[in-house]
Amino acid sequence: MRVIVTSIFVQDQDQALEFYTKKLGFVVKHDVPAGQYRWITLVSPDDPEGTELLLEPNEHPAAKEYQEKLMADGIPATMFGVADTHQEYQRLADLGVKFTMPPTQMGDHTVAVFDDTCGNLIQMIDYRK
């Protein structure tokens, strides 16, 4: 068994699609109508057959409350691995991404946290398989 799709709640699918593709560099795997919304999944360009990230509308009251409480408490909704946290921090900062925590050494890893503009904090960590 393996994870094939994981989701992140977003306030606006179009805004999330713009941010996650144009700023973070993910690529669209699926973008199909699904009732009032769309089934939008993204993948890393480095792993196009890897785990898909679903941009899930937060329209359900429980989803909205969960997302708002995580944000209010400063808790990242998920974590993305990068080759070099300092380098990625600089690249994203140059693109206007707002960080709530700059690169910070934690044990053997460096982490940073940014706002995805769609209601979430995202943590990134230097991570290699």
N, C-alpha and C. Protein backbone atom coordinates (compact mmCIF):
# COMPACT_ATOMS: atom_id res chain seq x y z
N MET A 1 0.85 -1.16 0.00
CA MET A 1 0.00 0.00 0.00
C MET A 1 0.90 1.23 0.00
N ARG A 2 0.49 2.26 -0.73
CA ARG A 2 1.24 3.51 -0.75
C ARG A 2 0.30 4.69 -0.94
N VAL A 3 0.73 5.85 -0.57
CA VAL A 3 -0.07 7.06 -0.74
C VAL A 3 -0.01 7.45 -2.22
N ILE A 4 -1.17 7.62 -2.86
CA ILE A 4 -1.19 8.04 -4.26
C ILE A 4 -1.74 9.46 -4.42
N VAL A 5 -2.65 9.86 -3.52
CA VAL A 5 -3.20 11.21 -3.54
C VAL A 5 -3.31 11.68 -2.09
N THR A 6 -2.90 12.91 -1.86
CA THR A 6 -3.13 13.55 -0.57
C THR A 6 -3.74 14.92 -0.88
N SER A 7 -4.55 15.42 0.02
CA SER A 7 -5.23 16.67 -0.30
C SER A 7 -4.85 17.77 0.68
N ILE A 8 -5.03 18.98 0.20
CA ILE A 8 -4.86 20.16 1.02
C ILE A 8 -6.08 21.04 0.77
N PHE A 9 -6.71 21.51 1.85
CA PHE A 9 -7.88 22.37 1.70
C PHE A 9 -7.43 23.74 1.22
N VAL A 10 -8.17 24.30 0.27
CA VAL A 10 -7.86 25.63 -0.25
C VAL A 10 -9.13 26.46 -0.30
N GLN A 11 -8.97 27.76 -0.11
CA GLN A 11 -10.11 28.68 -0.13
C GLN A 11 -10.58 28.97 -1.55
N ASP A 12 -9.69 28.89 -2.51
CA ASP A 12 -10.01 29.23 -3.90
C ASP A 12 -9.14 28.35 -4.80
N GLN A 13 -9.78 27.48 -5.58
CA GLN A 13 -9.01 26.55 -6.41
C GLN A 13 -8.18 27.26 -7.48
N ASP A 14 -8.72 28.29 -8.10
CA ASP A 14 -7.96 28.99 -9.14
C ASP A 14 -6.73 29.69 -8.55
N GLN A 15 -6.90 30.33 -7.41
CA GLN A 15 -5.78 31.00 -6.74
C GLN A 15 -4.74 29.97 -6.32
N ALA A 16 -5.20 28.85 -5.79
CA ALA A 16 -4.28 27.79 -5.37
C ALA A 16 -3.53 27.22 -6.57
N LEU A 17 -4.23 27.00 -7.65
CA LEU A 17 -3.58 26.47 -8.85
C LEU A 17 -2.49 27.42 -9.34
N GLU A 18 -2.77 28.69 -9.34
CA GLU A 18 -1.80 29.70 -9.73
C GLU A 18 -0.57 29.67 -8.82
N PHE A 19 -0.80 29.67 -7.51
CA PHE A 19 0.31 29.70 -6.55
C PHE A 19 1.15 28.43 -6.63
N TYR A 20 0.49 27.29 -6.62
CA TYR A 20 1.23 26.02 -6.57
C TYR A 20 1.97 25.71 -7.86
N THR A 21 1.48 26.21 -8.99
CA THR A 21 2.20 25.97 -10.24
C THR A 21 3.20 27.08 -10.53
N LYS A 22 2.79 28.33 -10.44
CA LYS A 22 3.66 29.44 -10.83
C LYS A 22 4.75 29.74 -9.80
N LYS A 23 4.43 29.63 -8.52
CA LYS A 23 5.42 29.94 -7.48
C LYS A 23 6.19 28.69 -7.04
N LEU A 24 5.45 27.62 -6.73
CA LEU A 24 6.11 26.43 -6.19
C LEU A 24 6.66 25.50 -7.26
N GLY A 25 6.10 25.58 -8.47
CA GLY A 25 6.65 24.77 -9.56
C GLY A 25 6.02 23.41 -9.78
N PHE A 26 4.91 23.13 -9.10
CA PHE A 26 4.22 21.87 -9.35
C PHE A 26 3.60 21.90 -10.75
N VAL A 27 3.30 20.73 -11.29
CA VAL A 27 2.66 20.64 -12.60
C VAL A 27 1.31 19.94 -12.46
N VAL A 28 0.37 20.31 -13.33
CA VAL A 28 -0.98 19.76 -13.28
C VAL A 28 -0.97 18.32 -13.79
N LYS A 29 -1.54 17.44 -13.00
CA LYS A 29 -1.71 16.04 -13.41
C LYS A 29 -3.14 15.85 -13.93
N HIS A 30 -4.11 16.36 -13.16
CA HIS A 30 -5.53 16.28 -13.55
C HIS A 30 -6.20 17.61 -13.25
N ASP A 31 -7.09 18.02 -14.13
CA ASP A 31 -7.92 19.20 -13.90
C ASP A 31 -9.23 18.94 -14.64
N VAL A 32 -10.17 18.35 -13.93
CA VAL A 32 -11.43 17.95 -14.55
C VAL A 32 -12.60 18.47 -13.72
N PRO A 33 -13.73 18.78 -14.38
CA PRO A 33 -14.90 19.23 -13.64
C PRO A 33 -15.36 18.16 -12.65
N ALA A 34 -15.80 18.61 -11.49
CA ALA A 34 -16.33 17.71 -10.46
C ALA A 34 -17.47 18.43 -9.77
N GLY A 35 -18.60 18.51 -10.47
CA GLY A 35 -19.74 19.26 -9.94
C GLY A 35 -19.45 20.74 -9.99
N GLN A 36 -19.66 21.41 -8.87
CA GLN A 36 -19.45 22.85 -8.76
C GLN A 36 -17.96 23.22 -8.76
N TYR A 37 -17.10 22.25 -8.46
CA TYR A 37 -15.66 22.49 -8.36
C TYR A 37 -14.92 21.67 -9.41
N ARG A 38 -13.62 21.47 -9.19
CA ARG A 38 -12.80 20.68 -10.11
C ARG A 38 -11.94 19.71 -9.32
N TRP A 39 -11.60 18.61 -9.95
CA TRP A 39 -10.64 17.66 -9.40
C TRP A 39 -9.29 18.09 -9.96
N ILE A 40 -8.54 18.83 -9.14
CA ILE A 40 -7.24 19.36 -9.57
C ILE A 40 -6.16 18.68 -8.74
N THR A 41 -5.32 17.91 -9.42
CA THR A 41 -4.18 17.32 -8.73
C THR A 41 -2.89 17.80 -9.39
N LEU A 42 -1.89 17.94 -8.56
CA LEU A 42 -0.58 18.40 -9.00
C LEU A 42 0.47 17.38 -8.61
N VAL A 43 1.58 17.39 -9.34
CA VAL A 43 2.71 16.53 -9.01
C VAL A 43 3.99 17.33 -9.14
N SER A 44 5.02 16.79 -8.55
CA SER A 44 6.34 17.39 -8.70
C SER A 44 6.84 17.11 -10.11
N PRO A 45 7.46 18.10 -10.76
CA PRO A 45 8.02 17.84 -12.08
C PRO A 45 9.15 16.81 -12.01
N ASP A 46 9.73 16.65 -10.83
CA ASP A 46 10.79 15.66 -10.63
C ASP A 46 10.26 14.25 -10.43
N ASP A 47 8.95 14.11 -10.20
CA ASP A 47 8.35 12.81 -9.93
C ASP A 47 6.92 12.79 -10.48
N PRO A 48 6.76 12.85 -11.82
CA PRO A 48 5.42 12.98 -12.41
C PRO A 48 4.49 11.80 -12.13
N GLU A 49 5.04 10.67 -11.75
CA GLU A 49 4.19 9.51 -11.41
C GLU A 49 4.07 9.34 -9.90
N GLY A 50 4.58 10.32 -9.15
CA GLY A 50 4.57 10.25 -7.69
C GLY A 50 3.23 10.67 -7.09
N THR A 51 3.23 10.88 -5.80
CA THR A 51 2.03 11.26 -5.06
C THR A 51 1.44 12.54 -5.62
N GLU A 52 0.13 12.53 -5.82
CA GLU A 52 -0.58 13.71 -6.32
C GLU A 52 -1.11 14.54 -5.16
N LEU A 53 -1.02 15.85 -5.30
CA LEU A 53 -1.55 16.79 -4.31
C LEU A 53 -2.87 17.32 -4.84
N LEU A 54 -3.96 17.01 -4.15
CA LEU A 54 -5.30 17.45 -4.54
C LEU A 54 -5.60 18.80 -3.91
N LEU A 55 -5.97 19.77 -4.73
CA LEU A 55 -6.39 21.09 -4.24
C LEU A 55 -7.88 21.00 -3.93
N GLU A 56 -8.18 20.71 -2.68
CA GLU A 56 -9.53 20.40 -2.22
C GLU A 56 -10.25 21.64 -1.73
N PRO A 57 -11.42 21.99 -2.30
CA PRO A 57 -12.16 23.15 -1.80
C PRO A 57 -12.53 22.95 -0.32
N ASN A 58 -12.41 24.01 0.46
CA ASN A 58 -12.70 23.92 1.90
C ASN A 58 -14.15 24.27 2.21
N GLU A 59 -15.05 24.00 1.33
CA GLU A 59 -16.44 24.42 1.49
C GLU A 59 -17.19 23.73 2.63
N HIS A 60 -16.79 22.55 3.02
CA HIS A 60 -17.47 21.88 4.14
C HIS A 60 -17.12 22.63 5.43
N PRO A 61 -18.10 22.90 6.28
CA PRO A 61 -17.82 23.66 7.51
C PRO A 61 -16.70 23.06 8.36
N ALA A 62 -16.61 21.75 8.44
CA ALA A 62 -15.55 21.11 9.23
C ALA A 62 -14.19 21.37 8.59
N ALA A 63 -14.12 21.33 7.27
CA ALA A 63 -12.86 21.59 6.56
C ALA A 63 -12.43 23.04 6.77
N LYS A 64 -13.37 23.93 6.65
CA LYS A 64 -13.07 25.35 6.82
C LYS A 64 -12.58 25.64 8.24
N GLU A 65 -13.26 25.08 9.23
CA GLU A 65 -12.87 25.30 10.62
C GLU A 65 -11.48 24.69 10.89
N TYR A 66 -11.24 23.49 10.39
CA TYR A 66 -9.95 22.82 10.56
C TYR A 66 -8.83 23.69 9.98
N GLN A 67 -9.03 24.17 8.76
CA GLN A 67 -8.04 25.00 8.09
C GLN A 67 -7.80 26.30 8.87
N GLU A 68 -8.86 26.95 9.29
CA GLU A 68 -8.73 28.21 10.02
C GLU A 68 -8.00 28.03 11.35
N LYS A 69 -8.30 26.93 12.07
CA LYS A 69 -7.66 26.69 13.37
C LYS A 69 -6.17 26.38 13.21
N LEU A 70 -5.81 25.59 12.20
CA LEU A 70 -4.39 25.33 11.95
C LEU A 70 -3.66 26.64 11.67
N MET A 71 -4.23 27.47 10.82
CA MET A 71 -3.60 28.74 10.46
C MET A 71 -3.47 29.63 11.69
N ALA A 72 -4.53 29.75 12.46
CA ALA A 72 -4.51 30.61 13.65
C ALA A 72 -3.46 30.17 14.67
N ASP A 73 -3.23 28.87 14.75
CA ASP A 73 -2.25 28.34 15.70
C ASP A 73 -0.85 28.23 15.11
N GLY A 74 -0.70 28.62 13.84
CA GLY A 74 0.62 28.58 13.20
C GLY A 74 1.10 27.19 12.87
N ILE A 75 0.18 26.27 12.66
CA ILE A 75 0.54 24.88 12.38
C ILE A 75 0.51 24.64 10.87
N PRO A 76 1.60 24.18 10.29
CA PRO A 76 1.60 23.88 8.86
C PRO A 76 0.62 22.75 8.52
N ALA A 77 -0.03 22.90 7.37
CA ALA A 77 -0.99 21.90 6.91
C ALA A 77 -0.29 20.67 6.35
N THR A 78 0.91 20.87 5.81
CA THR A 78 1.67 19.76 5.25
C THR A 78 3.14 20.16 5.15
N MET A 79 3.95 19.24 4.68
CA MET A 79 5.38 19.48 4.55
C MET A 79 5.84 19.03 3.17
N PHE A 80 6.67 19.87 2.55
CA PHE A 80 7.27 19.54 1.26
C PHE A 80 8.77 19.42 1.42
N GLY A 81 9.35 18.44 0.76
CA GLY A 81 10.78 18.25 0.78
C GLY A 81 11.45 19.03 -0.34
N VAL A 82 12.58 19.65 -0.04
CA VAL A 82 13.37 20.39 -1.03
C VAL A 82 14.83 19.97 -0.86
N ALA A 83 15.62 20.18 -1.91
CA ALA A 83 17.03 19.81 -1.85
C ALA A 83 17.81 20.72 -0.92
N ASP A 84 17.47 22.01 -0.93
CA ASP A 84 18.22 22.99 -0.14
C ASP A 84 17.24 24.05 0.36
N THR A 85 16.94 24.03 1.64
CA THR A 85 15.96 24.95 2.20
C THR A 85 16.36 26.40 2.02
N HIS A 86 17.62 26.73 2.23
CA HIS A 86 18.07 28.12 2.08
C HIS A 86 17.90 28.60 0.65
N GLN A 87 18.28 27.77 -0.30
CA GLN A 87 18.17 28.14 -1.72
C GLN A 87 16.70 28.31 -2.13
N GLU A 88 15.86 27.38 -1.70
CA GLU A 88 14.43 27.46 -2.04
C GLU A 88 13.77 28.65 -1.34
N TYR A 89 14.16 28.92 -0.12
CA TYR A 89 13.66 30.09 0.60
C TYR A 89 13.95 31.36 -0.20
N GLN A 90 15.17 31.51 -0.67
CA GLN A 90 15.55 32.70 -1.42
C GLN A 90 14.77 32.81 -2.73
N ARG A 91 14.64 31.67 -3.44
CA ARG A 91 13.89 31.66 -4.71
C ARG A 91 12.45 32.10 -4.48
N LEU A 92 11.81 31.51 -3.46
CA LEU A 92 10.40 31.84 -3.18
C LEU A 92 10.25 33.27 -2.66
N ALA A 93 11.14 33.69 -1.79
CA ALA A 93 11.08 35.07 -1.28
C ALA A 93 11.22 36.06 -2.43
N ASP A 94 12.08 35.77 -3.39
CA ASP A 94 12.24 36.64 -4.56
C ASP A 94 10.97 36.70 -5.40
N LEU A 95 10.13 35.65 -5.31
CA LEU A 95 8.85 35.62 -6.03
C LEU A 95 7.72 36.24 -5.23
N GLY A 96 8.03 36.74 -4.03
CA GLY A 96 7.03 37.40 -3.20
C GLY A 96 6.33 36.50 -2.21
N VAL A 97 6.77 35.26 -2.06
CA VAL A 97 6.15 34.36 -1.09
C VAL A 97 6.48 34.86 0.32
N LYS A 98 5.46 34.89 1.18
CA LYS A 98 5.61 35.38 2.55
C LYS A 98 5.90 34.22 3.50
N PHE A 99 6.97 34.35 4.24
CA PHE A 99 7.37 33.32 5.19
C PHE A 99 7.00 33.73 6.61
N THR A 100 6.54 32.75 7.39
CA THR A 100 6.27 32.98 8.80
C THR A 100 7.42 32.48 9.65
N MET A 101 8.29 31.66 9.04
CA MET A 101 9.50 31.20 9.71
C MET A 101 10.60 31.08 8.67
N PRO A 102 11.69 31.83 8.82
CA PRO A 102 12.80 31.71 7.88
C PRO A 102 13.52 30.37 8.09
N PRO A 103 14.45 30.03 7.22
CA PRO A 103 15.19 28.78 7.42
C PRO A 103 15.76 28.68 8.83
N THR A 104 15.43 27.58 9.48
CA THR A 104 15.80 27.35 10.87
C THR A 104 16.33 25.93 11.01
N GLN A 105 17.49 25.81 11.61
CA GLN A 105 18.09 24.49 11.83
C GLN A 105 17.32 23.76 12.92
N MET A 106 16.92 22.53 12.65
CA MET A 106 16.24 21.67 13.62
C MET A 106 16.88 20.29 13.52
N GLY A 107 17.76 20.01 14.42
CA GLY A 107 18.47 18.74 14.36
C GLY A 107 19.34 18.70 13.11
N ASP A 108 19.18 17.65 12.33
CA ASP A 108 19.96 17.47 11.11
C ASP A 108 19.36 18.18 9.89
N HIS A 109 18.22 18.84 10.06
CA HIS A 109 17.51 19.43 8.93
C HIS A 109 17.28 20.93 9.13
N THR A 110 17.05 21.60 8.01
CA THR A 110 16.67 23.01 8.04
C THR A 110 15.24 23.10 7.52
N VAL A 111 14.39 23.80 8.25
CA VAL A 111 12.99 23.95 7.87
C VAL A 111 12.65 25.43 7.73
N ALA A 112 11.61 25.71 6.99
CA ALA A 112 11.06 27.06 6.85
C ALA A 112 9.56 26.90 6.65
N VAL A 113 8.79 27.94 6.96
CA VAL A 113 7.34 27.88 6.83
C VAL A 113 6.86 29.10 6.06
N PHE A 114 5.97 28.87 5.07
CA PHE A 114 5.42 29.97 4.28
C PHE A 114 3.91 29.88 4.18
N ASP A 115 3.30 30.99 3.80
CA ASP A 115 1.85 31.12 3.60
C ASP A 115 1.55 30.84 2.14
N ASP A 116 0.64 29.91 1.87
CA ASP A 116 0.32 29.57 0.48
C ASP A 116 -0.74 30.47 -0.15
N THR A 117 -1.16 31.50 0.52
CA THR A 117 -2.17 32.48 0.08
C THR A 117 -3.57 31.88 -0.06
N CYS A 118 -3.74 30.62 0.32
CA CYS A 118 -5.03 29.94 0.16
C CYS A 118 -5.55 29.39 1.48
N GLY A 119 -4.99 29.94 2.59
CA GLY A 119 -5.46 29.53 3.90
C GLY A 119 -4.58 28.55 4.64
N ASN A 120 -3.36 28.30 4.12
CA ASN A 120 -2.50 27.30 4.74
C ASN A 120 -1.09 27.81 4.97
N LEU A 121 -0.49 27.26 6.00
CA LEU A 121 0.95 27.38 6.17
C LEU A 121 1.55 26.07 5.68
N ILE A 122 2.66 26.18 4.97
CA ILE A 122 3.35 25.01 4.43
C ILE A 122 4.77 25.01 4.97
N GLN A 123 5.18 23.89 5.49
CA GLN A 123 6.56 23.75 5.96
C GLN A 123 7.38 23.08 4.86
N MET A 124 8.58 23.57 4.65
CA MET A 124 9.49 22.88 3.73
C MET A 124 10.72 22.49 4.50
N ILE A 125 11.31 21.38 4.09
CA ILE A 125 12.45 20.82 4.79
C ILE A 125 13.43 20.26 3.78
N ASP A 126 14.71 20.40 4.05
CA ASP A 126 15.68 19.77 3.16
C ASP A 126 15.60 18.27 3.42
N TYR A 127 15.25 17.55 2.39
CA TYR A 127 14.97 16.13 2.54
C TYR A 127 15.35 15.39 1.28
N ARG A 128 16.04 14.33 1.45
CA ARG A 128 16.41 13.46 0.32
C ARG A 128 16.01 12.04 0.68
N LYS A 129 15.48 11.33 -0.30
CA LYS A 129 15.11 9.93 -0.07
C LYS A 129 16.33 9.08 0.11
